Amino acid sequence: MKKKFFLIPFAALIALAFMSAWIYAGTSCPGTIEMNSKIFKKHRMGIVKFEHEKHLAAPPKGYGLKCGECHHDKNHKPLDNLKPTDKIKHCEECHKTPGKASPRAFMKPSKKDLKKYYVAIHANCIGCHKKMKKGPTSCVKCHPKKSKK
């Protein structure tokens, strides 16, 4: 009888530890991700490393952005209700065309321009950086120089 009395709270404590670890694990987005699209055969510039945490953190440590300021649905409505555990489509799943466009297309892209991954990702990032007057707006500040092998 005494063993049962000891085992039940012990088992509950272990279950609680596993549950809290599972809940805690799902409370953050991927830290730094490489914006390495598979639609290009070869990348001309270095791969951008995007820092989720810096963009989501409240000022002064970050920019205090919401998920929906970058992630949107097929109608371009912001996905503001995203949870860190939600499955997110990669940009190129909808913006499938690899072709380039004029720099003008970054600031005022047409619907046709936005089908291009290159335009959509640059318009989103550069447009936000210019609007907020924070973050890099030139190629070399985002794209690190490729290392020569």
N, C-alpha and C. Protein backbone atom coordinates (compact mmCIF):
# COMPACT_ATOMS: atom_id res chain seq x y z
N MET A 1 0.82 -1.20 0.00
CA MET A 1 0.00 0.00 0.00
C MET A 1 0.87 1.26 0.00
N LYS A 2 1.95 1.22 0.82
CA LYS A 2 2.82 2.38 0.88
C LYS A 2 3.53 2.62 -0.45
N LYS A 3 3.86 1.52 -1.17
CA LYS A 3 4.52 1.66 -2.47
C LYS A 3 3.59 2.36 -3.46
N LYS A 4 2.31 1.99 -3.46
CA LYS A 4 1.34 2.61 -4.36
C LYS A 4 1.23 4.10 -4.05
N PHE A 5 1.19 4.44 -2.78
CA PHE A 5 1.05 5.82 -2.35
C PHE A 5 2.26 6.64 -2.84
N PHE A 6 3.42 6.04 -2.89
CA PHE A 6 4.63 6.71 -3.34
C PHE A 6 4.71 6.75 -4.87
N LEU A 7 4.31 5.68 -5.55
CA LEU A 7 4.44 5.58 -7.00
C LEU A 7 3.50 6.52 -7.76
N ILE A 8 2.30 6.71 -7.28
CA ILE A 8 1.33 7.56 -8.00
C ILE A 8 1.83 9.01 -8.08
N PRO A 9 2.21 9.65 -6.97
CA PRO A 9 2.73 11.02 -7.10
C PRO A 9 4.03 11.09 -7.90
N PHE A 10 4.87 10.06 -7.78
CA PHE A 10 6.13 10.02 -8.51
C PHE A 10 5.85 9.96 -10.02
N ALA A 11 4.92 9.11 -10.43
CA ALA A 11 4.55 9.00 -11.85
C ALA A 11 3.93 10.31 -12.35
N ALA A 12 3.12 10.94 -11.52
CA ALA A 12 2.50 12.22 -11.89
C ALA A 12 3.57 13.29 -12.06
N LEU A 13 4.57 13.30 -11.20
CA LEU A 13 5.65 14.27 -11.29
C LEU A 13 6.46 14.09 -12.57
N ILE A 14 6.74 12.84 -12.93
CA ILE A 14 7.47 12.56 -14.17
C ILE A 14 6.63 12.99 -15.38
N ALA A 15 5.35 12.69 -15.37
CA ALA A 15 4.47 13.09 -16.47
C ALA A 15 4.43 14.61 -16.59
N LEU A 16 4.36 15.30 -15.48
CA LEU A 16 4.35 16.76 -15.48
C LEU A 16 5.66 17.32 -16.06
N ALA A 17 6.78 16.71 -15.72
CA ALA A 17 8.08 17.15 -16.23
C ALA A 17 8.12 17.00 -17.76
N PHE A 18 7.63 15.86 -18.28
CA PHE A 18 7.62 15.66 -19.73
C PHE A 18 6.67 16.64 -20.41
N MET A 19 5.50 16.87 -19.81
CA MET A 19 4.54 17.80 -20.40
C MET A 19 5.10 19.22 -20.43
N SER A 20 5.72 19.66 -19.35
CA SER A 20 6.24 21.02 -19.33
C SER A 20 7.38 21.17 -20.33
N ALA A 21 8.20 20.16 -20.50
CA ALA A 21 9.27 20.21 -21.50
C ALA A 21 8.68 20.29 -22.90
N TRP A 22 7.61 19.53 -23.14
CA TRP A 22 6.95 19.55 -24.46
C TRP A 22 6.33 20.92 -24.71
N ILE A 23 5.65 21.49 -23.71
CA ILE A 23 5.02 22.80 -23.87
C ILE A 23 6.09 23.86 -24.08
N TYR A 24 7.16 23.83 -23.28
CA TYR A 24 8.22 24.82 -23.40
C TYR A 24 8.91 24.73 -24.76
N ALA A 25 9.10 23.53 -25.26
CA ALA A 25 9.79 23.34 -26.54
C ALA A 25 9.02 23.98 -27.68
N GLY A 26 7.71 24.09 -27.57
CA GLY A 26 6.91 24.65 -28.64
C GLY A 26 6.64 26.13 -28.50
N THR A 27 7.42 26.84 -27.67
CA THR A 27 7.14 28.25 -27.46
C THR A 27 8.07 29.19 -28.20
N SER A 28 8.88 28.69 -29.08
CA SER A 28 9.73 29.61 -29.81
C SER A 28 9.85 29.19 -31.27
N CYS A 29 10.10 30.17 -32.11
CA CYS A 29 10.30 29.92 -33.53
C CYS A 29 11.74 29.48 -33.74
N PRO A 30 12.03 28.98 -34.93
CA PRO A 30 13.43 28.65 -35.19
C PRO A 30 14.28 29.91 -34.98
N GLY A 31 15.42 29.78 -34.35
CA GLY A 31 16.28 30.92 -34.06
C GLY A 31 16.73 31.61 -35.33
N THR A 32 17.84 31.19 -35.87
CA THR A 32 18.36 31.77 -37.11
C THR A 32 18.15 30.75 -38.22
N ILE A 33 17.54 31.21 -39.30
CA ILE A 33 17.31 30.31 -40.43
C ILE A 33 18.04 30.85 -41.66
N GLU A 34 18.47 29.94 -42.51
CA GLU A 34 19.09 30.33 -43.76
C GLU A 34 18.01 30.43 -44.83
N MET A 35 17.96 31.55 -45.51
CA MET A 35 16.97 31.78 -46.56
C MET A 35 17.52 31.18 -47.86
N ASN A 36 17.59 29.85 -47.87
CA ASN A 36 18.22 29.12 -48.96
C ASN A 36 17.15 28.46 -49.82
N SER A 37 16.68 29.16 -50.82
CA SER A 37 15.62 28.64 -51.67
C SER A 37 16.14 27.56 -52.61
N LYS A 38 15.34 26.54 -52.77
CA LYS A 38 15.70 25.42 -53.66
C LYS A 38 15.31 25.68 -55.11
N ILE A 39 14.64 26.81 -55.39
CA ILE A 39 14.21 27.04 -56.77
C ILE A 39 15.34 27.55 -57.65
N PHE A 40 16.44 27.98 -57.03
CA PHE A 40 17.59 28.43 -57.81
C PHE A 40 18.59 27.30 -57.95
N LYS A 41 19.10 27.11 -59.16
CA LYS A 41 20.12 26.08 -59.36
C LYS A 41 21.41 26.49 -58.67
N LYS A 42 21.69 27.79 -58.73
CA LYS A 42 22.92 28.31 -58.15
C LYS A 42 22.60 29.68 -57.53
N HIS A 43 23.14 29.93 -56.35
CA HIS A 43 22.96 31.23 -55.71
C HIS A 43 24.14 32.13 -56.06
N ARG A 44 23.82 33.27 -56.63
CA ARG A 44 24.85 34.22 -57.04
C ARG A 44 25.45 34.94 -55.83
N MET A 45 24.62 35.22 -54.84
CA MET A 45 25.05 35.93 -53.63
C MET A 45 25.09 34.95 -52.45
N GLY A 46 25.72 35.39 -51.37
CA GLY A 46 25.74 34.58 -50.15
C GLY A 46 24.33 34.42 -49.59
N ILE A 47 24.10 33.36 -48.84
CA ILE A 47 22.78 33.05 -48.30
C ILE A 47 22.49 33.94 -47.07
N VAL A 48 21.32 34.55 -47.07
CA VAL A 48 20.91 35.42 -45.96
C VAL A 48 20.58 34.56 -44.74
N LYS A 49 21.04 35.00 -43.60
CA LYS A 49 20.70 34.35 -42.33
C LYS A 49 19.71 35.26 -41.63
N PHE A 50 18.48 34.76 -41.48
CA PHE A 50 17.39 35.54 -40.88
C PHE A 50 17.27 35.19 -39.40
N GLU A 51 17.26 36.20 -38.55
CA GLU A 51 17.17 36.01 -37.11
C GLU A 51 15.73 36.23 -36.63
N HIS A 52 14.98 35.13 -36.49
CA HIS A 52 13.60 35.21 -36.01
C HIS A 52 13.51 35.94 -34.68
N GLU A 53 14.33 35.50 -33.72
CA GLU A 53 14.23 36.03 -32.36
C GLU A 53 14.42 37.54 -32.32
N LYS A 54 15.37 38.05 -33.09
CA LYS A 54 15.62 39.49 -33.10
C LYS A 54 14.42 40.25 -33.67
N HIS A 55 13.79 39.70 -34.69
CA HIS A 55 12.64 40.36 -35.29
C HIS A 55 11.41 40.31 -34.40
N LEU A 56 11.26 39.24 -33.60
CA LEU A 56 10.09 39.08 -32.75
C LEU A 56 10.24 39.72 -31.37
N ALA A 57 11.45 39.82 -30.87
CA ALA A 57 11.68 40.37 -29.53
C ALA A 57 11.25 41.83 -29.46
N ALA A 58 10.75 42.21 -28.31
CA ALA A 58 10.32 43.59 -28.09
C ALA A 58 11.54 44.51 -28.06
N PRO A 59 11.37 45.77 -28.49
CA PRO A 59 12.48 46.72 -28.40
C PRO A 59 12.91 46.89 -26.94
N PRO A 60 14.11 47.17 -26.63
CA PRO A 60 15.21 47.55 -27.50
C PRO A 60 16.02 46.35 -28.01
N LYS A 61 15.72 45.13 -27.54
CA LYS A 61 16.50 43.96 -27.98
C LYS A 61 16.14 43.52 -29.39
N GLY A 62 14.95 43.88 -29.84
CA GLY A 62 14.51 43.46 -31.16
C GLY A 62 13.59 44.48 -31.79
N TYR A 63 12.81 44.03 -32.77
CA TYR A 63 11.94 44.93 -33.52
C TYR A 63 10.46 44.83 -33.13
N GLY A 64 10.10 43.81 -32.37
CA GLY A 64 8.72 43.67 -31.91
C GLY A 64 7.72 43.37 -33.00
N LEU A 65 8.15 42.64 -34.04
CA LEU A 65 7.23 42.31 -35.13
C LEU A 65 6.33 41.14 -34.76
N LYS A 66 5.19 41.06 -35.44
CA LYS A 66 4.29 39.91 -35.30
C LYS A 66 4.52 39.01 -36.50
N CYS A 67 4.16 37.74 -36.33
CA CYS A 67 4.35 36.75 -37.40
C CYS A 67 3.73 37.22 -38.73
N GLY A 68 2.54 37.80 -38.65
CA GLY A 68 1.80 38.20 -39.84
C GLY A 68 2.43 39.34 -40.63
N GLU A 69 3.45 39.97 -40.08
CA GLU A 69 4.11 41.03 -40.82
C GLU A 69 5.00 40.45 -41.93
N CYS A 70 5.31 39.16 -41.83
CA CYS A 70 6.07 38.48 -42.90
C CYS A 70 5.25 37.33 -43.49
N HIS A 71 4.61 36.55 -42.64
CA HIS A 71 3.86 35.37 -43.09
C HIS A 71 2.42 35.76 -43.42
N HIS A 72 1.95 35.31 -44.58
CA HIS A 72 0.59 35.65 -45.01
C HIS A 72 -0.06 34.45 -45.68
N ASP A 73 -1.38 34.55 -45.86
CA ASP A 73 -2.12 33.47 -46.52
C ASP A 73 -2.14 33.71 -48.03
N LYS A 74 -2.88 32.86 -48.74
CA LYS A 74 -2.90 32.96 -50.21
C LYS A 74 -3.54 34.26 -50.71
N ASN A 75 -4.31 34.94 -49.85
CA ASN A 75 -4.93 36.22 -50.21
C ASN A 75 -4.13 37.40 -49.68
N HIS A 76 -2.93 37.13 -49.22
CA HIS A 76 -2.01 38.12 -48.65
C HIS A 76 -2.54 38.76 -47.37
N LYS A 77 -3.39 38.05 -46.66
CA LYS A 77 -3.85 38.50 -45.34
C LYS A 77 -2.82 38.02 -44.32
N PRO A 78 -2.43 38.89 -43.39
CA PRO A 78 -1.42 38.50 -42.39
C PRO A 78 -1.85 37.31 -41.54
N LEU A 79 -0.92 36.41 -41.28
CA LEU A 79 -1.16 35.26 -40.40
C LEU A 79 -0.72 35.65 -38.99
N ASP A 80 -1.51 36.50 -38.35
CA ASP A 80 -1.16 37.01 -37.02
C ASP A 80 -1.42 36.00 -35.91
N ASN A 81 -2.21 34.98 -36.17
CA ASN A 81 -2.55 34.02 -35.11
C ASN A 81 -1.67 32.78 -35.13
N LEU A 82 -0.49 32.87 -35.73
CA LEU A 82 0.40 31.72 -35.79
C LEU A 82 0.92 31.35 -34.40
N LYS A 83 1.03 30.06 -34.21
CA LYS A 83 1.67 29.55 -32.99
C LYS A 83 3.02 28.98 -33.41
N PRO A 84 4.00 29.01 -32.51
CA PRO A 84 5.33 28.51 -32.88
C PRO A 84 5.34 27.08 -33.40
N THR A 85 4.34 26.29 -33.04
CA THR A 85 4.32 24.89 -33.48
C THR A 85 3.58 24.70 -34.81
N ASP A 86 2.97 25.78 -35.35
CA ASP A 86 2.25 25.67 -36.62
C ASP A 86 3.21 25.38 -37.77
N LYS A 87 2.73 24.61 -38.71
CA LYS A 87 3.50 24.30 -39.91
C LYS A 87 3.37 25.50 -40.85
N ILE A 88 4.50 26.03 -41.27
CA ILE A 88 4.51 27.21 -42.13
C ILE A 88 5.02 26.80 -43.51
N LYS A 89 4.35 27.28 -44.56
CA LYS A 89 4.85 27.03 -45.91
C LYS A 89 6.09 27.87 -46.14
N HIS A 90 7.00 27.34 -46.93
CA HIS A 90 8.17 28.10 -47.34
C HIS A 90 7.74 29.08 -48.42
N CYS A 91 8.40 30.21 -48.50
CA CYS A 91 8.03 31.26 -49.46
C CYS A 91 7.87 30.72 -50.89
N GLU A 92 8.83 29.87 -51.30
CA GLU A 92 8.83 29.41 -52.68
C GLU A 92 7.71 28.42 -53.00
N GLU A 93 6.95 28.00 -52.00
CA GLU A 93 5.82 27.12 -52.30
C GLU A 93 4.73 27.87 -53.05
N CYS A 94 4.64 29.18 -52.84
CA CYS A 94 3.66 30.00 -53.56
C CYS A 94 4.34 30.94 -54.56
N HIS A 95 5.47 31.48 -54.16
CA HIS A 95 6.24 32.38 -55.02
C HIS A 95 7.26 31.51 -55.75
N LYS A 96 6.78 30.84 -56.81
CA LYS A 96 7.52 29.74 -57.44
C LYS A 96 8.46 30.13 -58.56
N THR A 97 8.30 31.31 -59.12
CA THR A 97 9.09 31.68 -60.29
C THR A 97 10.46 32.18 -59.83
N PRO A 98 11.54 31.62 -60.37
CA PRO A 98 12.86 32.04 -59.92
C PRO A 98 13.38 33.33 -60.54
N GLY A 99 12.76 33.84 -61.59
CA GLY A 99 13.30 34.98 -62.34
C GLY A 99 13.49 36.26 -61.54
N LYS A 100 14.42 37.09 -62.01
CA LYS A 100 14.69 38.38 -61.40
C LYS A 100 13.71 39.41 -61.93
N ALA A 101 13.75 40.59 -61.33
CA ALA A 101 12.93 41.70 -61.78
C ALA A 101 13.70 42.98 -61.52
N SER A 102 13.18 44.08 -61.98
CA SER A 102 13.85 45.36 -61.78
C SER A 102 13.79 45.75 -60.30
N PRO A 103 14.75 46.56 -59.85
CA PRO A 103 14.71 47.03 -58.45
C PRO A 103 13.41 47.77 -58.12
N ARG A 104 12.79 48.42 -59.12
CA ARG A 104 11.53 49.12 -58.91
C ARG A 104 10.46 48.15 -58.42
N ALA A 105 10.53 46.91 -58.91
CA ALA A 105 9.53 45.91 -58.55
C ALA A 105 9.59 45.57 -57.06
N PHE A 106 10.73 45.81 -56.41
CA PHE A 106 10.83 45.55 -54.97
C PHE A 106 9.93 46.47 -54.18
N MET A 107 9.83 47.72 -54.63
CA MET A 107 9.08 48.70 -53.85
C MET A 107 7.60 48.77 -54.24
N LYS A 108 7.27 48.54 -55.50
CA LYS A 108 5.88 48.55 -55.93
C LYS A 108 5.63 47.34 -56.82
N PRO A 109 5.66 46.14 -56.24
CA PRO A 109 5.51 44.94 -57.07
C PRO A 109 4.08 44.74 -57.57
N SER A 110 3.97 44.29 -58.80
CA SER A 110 2.67 43.92 -59.35
C SER A 110 2.36 42.49 -58.90
N LYS A 111 1.14 42.03 -59.16
CA LYS A 111 0.79 40.64 -58.83
C LYS A 111 1.68 39.68 -59.60
N LYS A 112 1.98 40.04 -60.83
CA LYS A 112 2.85 39.19 -61.66
C LYS A 112 4.26 39.14 -61.06
N ASP A 113 4.77 40.29 -60.61
CA ASP A 113 6.10 40.34 -59.98
C ASP A 113 6.15 39.48 -58.73
N LEU A 114 5.06 39.49 -57.94
CA LEU A 114 5.05 38.78 -56.67
C LEU A 114 5.04 37.26 -56.82
N LYS A 115 4.78 36.77 -58.02
CA LYS A 115 4.88 35.33 -58.24
C LYS A 115 6.34 34.89 -58.21
N LYS A 116 7.22 35.86 -58.39
CA LYS A 116 8.65 35.57 -58.40
C LYS A 116 9.17 35.59 -56.96
N TYR A 117 9.82 34.54 -56.58
CA TYR A 117 10.40 34.44 -55.24
C TYR A 117 11.32 35.62 -54.97
N TYR A 118 12.18 35.91 -55.93
CA TYR A 118 13.18 36.96 -55.81
C TYR A 118 12.53 38.30 -55.44
N VAL A 119 11.45 38.65 -56.11
CA VAL A 119 10.77 39.92 -55.85
C VAL A 119 10.04 39.87 -54.51
N ALA A 120 9.29 38.80 -54.27
CA ALA A 120 8.47 38.72 -53.06
C ALA A 120 9.33 38.82 -51.80
N ILE A 121 10.41 38.08 -51.75
CA ILE A 121 11.24 38.07 -50.55
C ILE A 121 11.95 39.41 -50.37
N HIS A 122 12.46 39.97 -51.46
CA HIS A 122 13.14 41.26 -51.35
C HIS A 122 12.16 42.39 -51.04
N ALA A 123 10.99 42.39 -51.66
CA ALA A 123 10.00 43.43 -51.38
C ALA A 123 9.59 43.38 -49.92
N ASN A 124 9.42 42.18 -49.39
CA ASN A 124 9.01 42.01 -47.99
C ASN A 124 10.09 42.54 -47.05
N CYS A 125 11.31 42.08 -47.24
CA CYS A 125 12.40 42.45 -46.33
C CYS A 125 12.84 43.90 -46.50
N ILE A 126 13.22 44.27 -47.72
CA ILE A 126 13.72 45.62 -47.97
C ILE A 126 12.63 46.65 -47.72
N GLY A 127 11.41 46.33 -48.15
CA GLY A 127 10.30 47.26 -47.93
C GLY A 127 10.08 47.55 -46.45
N CYS A 128 10.14 46.51 -45.63
CA CYS A 128 9.96 46.67 -44.19
C CYS A 128 11.14 47.45 -43.60
N HIS A 129 12.35 47.11 -43.99
CA HIS A 129 13.53 47.80 -43.48
C HIS A 129 13.48 49.29 -43.80
N LYS A 130 13.05 49.63 -45.02
CA LYS A 130 12.96 51.04 -45.40
C LYS A 130 11.84 51.75 -44.64
N LYS A 131 10.70 51.07 -44.52
CA LYS A 131 9.56 51.67 -43.82
C LYS A 131 9.90 51.93 -42.35
N MET A 132 10.56 50.99 -41.71
CA MET A 132 10.88 51.13 -40.29
C MET A 132 12.18 51.92 -40.05
N LYS A 133 12.91 52.17 -41.15
CA LYS A 133 14.21 52.83 -41.05
C LYS A 133 15.13 52.09 -40.09
N LYS A 134 15.07 50.76 -40.18
CA LYS A 134 15.92 49.86 -39.39
C LYS A 134 16.28 48.68 -40.27
N GLY A 135 17.44 48.15 -40.05
CA GLY A 135 17.86 46.97 -40.79
C GLY A 135 18.52 47.32 -42.10
N PRO A 136 19.21 46.38 -42.67
CA PRO A 136 19.96 46.62 -43.90
C PRO A 136 19.05 46.77 -45.12
N THR A 137 19.49 47.61 -46.06
CA THR A 137 18.74 47.79 -47.31
C THR A 137 19.63 47.62 -48.54
N SER A 138 20.87 47.24 -48.33
CA SER A 138 21.75 47.01 -49.48
C SER A 138 22.11 45.53 -49.55
N CYS A 139 22.47 45.09 -50.72
CA CYS A 139 22.74 43.66 -50.96
C CYS A 139 23.77 43.09 -49.99
N VAL A 140 24.93 43.75 -49.89
CA VAL A 140 26.04 43.19 -49.12
C VAL A 140 25.78 43.17 -47.61
N LYS A 141 24.83 43.95 -47.14
CA LYS A 141 24.55 43.95 -45.70
C LYS A 141 23.72 42.72 -45.30
N CYS A 142 22.98 42.15 -46.23
CA CYS A 142 22.18 40.94 -45.94
C CYS A 142 22.89 39.68 -46.44
N HIS A 143 23.42 39.77 -47.64
CA HIS A 143 24.06 38.63 -48.27
C HIS A 143 25.55 38.63 -47.96
N PRO A 144 26.03 37.71 -47.12
CA PRO A 144 27.46 37.68 -46.83
C PRO A 144 28.24 37.26 -48.08
N LYS A 145 29.49 37.71 -48.13
CA LYS A 145 30.33 37.31 -49.27
C LYS A 145 30.50 35.81 -49.24
N LYS A 146 30.43 35.22 -50.42
CA LYS A 146 30.62 33.76 -50.53
C LYS A 146 32.09 33.45 -50.27
N SER A 147 32.30 32.38 -49.51
CA SER A 147 33.68 31.98 -49.29
C SER A 147 34.18 31.22 -50.51
N LYS A 148 35.41 31.49 -50.87
CA LYS A 148 35.98 30.82 -52.05
C LYS A 148 36.59 29.51 -51.60
N LYS A 149 36.17 28.44 -52.25
CA LYS A 149 36.65 27.10 -51.88
C LYS A 149 37.71 26.62 -52.81
